Amino acid sequence: MSNGGLQTLRTSTPEEGYALAVNLAQKAIELTQPSEDIRKLLRPVYSTDANSLIAVSQVVALHFQTVAFANNYWNN
């Protein structure tokens, strides 16, 4: 997905759509903090913080909403 690798938000199933939403969230973090070493350093902090985990869930949900809309909610 790097460098314009994302071709479409269309997926065949809601499960694929959710996986795409998670991938979009992960890629946003990689673009925001390109250093893998820093991400690894920060992971123990946010992975045990309930508010951080809730925030991640909210970001994925927003991406999933976008993917679902792009797929006409899988009702063709």
Protein backbone atom coordinates (compact mmCIF):
# COMPACT_ATOMS: atom_id res chain seq x y z
CA MET A 1 0.00 0.00 0.00
CA SER A 2 2.99 2.33 0.25
CA ASN A 3 3.56 4.92 -2.46
CA GLY A 4 0.05 4.83 -3.81
CA GLY A 5 -0.36 1.06 -3.55
CA LEU A 6 -3.96 1.40 -2.41
CA GLN A 7 -5.94 0.82 -5.57
CA THR A 8 -9.48 0.65 -4.23
CA LEU A 9 -11.62 0.55 -1.12
CA ARG A 10 -13.82 -2.10 -2.72
CA THR A 11 -13.83 -5.48 -0.99
CA SER A 12 -15.86 -8.64 -1.50
CA THR A 13 -17.00 -9.10 2.09
CA PRO A 14 -17.36 -7.14 5.32
CA GLU A 15 -14.53 -9.26 6.76
CA GLU A 16 -12.20 -8.13 3.98
CA GLY A 17 -13.41 -4.59 4.55
CA TYR A 18 -12.56 -4.77 8.22
CA ALA A 19 -9.09 -6.14 7.42
CA LEU A 20 -8.62 -3.22 5.03
CA ALA A 21 -9.71 -0.78 7.75
CA VAL A 22 -7.13 -2.21 10.15
CA ASN A 23 -4.48 -2.00 7.43
CA LEU A 24 -5.35 1.64 6.76
CA ALA A 25 -4.93 2.45 10.46
CA GLN A 26 -1.59 0.64 10.60
CA LYS A 27 -0.29 2.40 7.51
CA ALA A 28 -1.29 5.79 8.92
CA ILE A 29 0.85 5.07 12.00
CA GLU A 30 3.79 4.00 9.83
CA LEU A 31 3.53 7.20 7.80
CA THR A 32 3.15 9.36 10.90
CA GLN A 33 6.08 7.69 12.71
CA PRO A 34 8.35 6.12 10.09
CA SER A 35 10.92 4.88 12.62
CA GLU A 36 10.23 1.24 13.45
CA ASP A 37 12.56 1.55 16.45
CA ILE A 38 10.49 4.38 17.94
CA ARG A 39 7.23 2.52 17.27
CA LYS A 40 8.63 -0.52 19.08
CA LEU A 41 9.72 1.71 21.97
CA LEU A 42 6.24 3.23 22.27
CA ARG A 43 4.26 0.00 21.90
CA PRO A 44 4.60 -1.14 25.57
CA VAL A 45 3.21 2.22 26.67
CA TYR A 46 0.07 2.35 24.52
CA SER A 47 -0.60 -1.38 24.46
CA THR A 48 -1.40 -1.33 28.16
CA ASP A 49 -3.33 1.95 28.21
CA ALA A 50 -7.10 1.52 27.98
CA ASN A 51 -7.63 4.99 26.50
CA SER A 52 -5.07 4.35 23.77
CA LEU A 53 -6.70 1.03 22.90
CA ILE A 54 -10.13 2.66 22.74
CA ALA A 55 -8.70 5.36 20.46
CA VAL A 56 -7.29 2.69 18.13
CA SER A 57 -10.69 1.02 18.03
CA GLN A 58 -12.31 4.33 17.11
CA VAL A 59 -9.85 4.94 14.27
CA VAL A 60 -10.42 1.46 12.84
CA ALA A 61 -14.19 1.96 13.15
CA LEU A 62 -13.98 5.21 11.20
CA HIS A 63 -11.92 3.53 8.47
CA PHE A 64 -14.39 0.63 8.40
CA GLN A 65 -17.26 3.08 8.01
CA THR A 66 -15.48 4.60 5.00
CA VAL A 67 -14.80 1.18 3.46
CA ALA A 68 -18.40 0.08 4.06
CA PHE A 69 -19.71 3.22 2.37
CA ALA A 70 -17.38 2.64 -0.60
CA ASN A 71 -18.80 -0.86 -0.88
CA ASN A 72 -22.39 0.34 -0.71
CA TYR A 73 -22.58 -1.58 2.55
CA TRP A 74 -22.09 -4.79 0.51
CA ASN A 75 -25.66 -4.53 -0.83
CA ASN A 76 -25.29 -4.60 -4.58
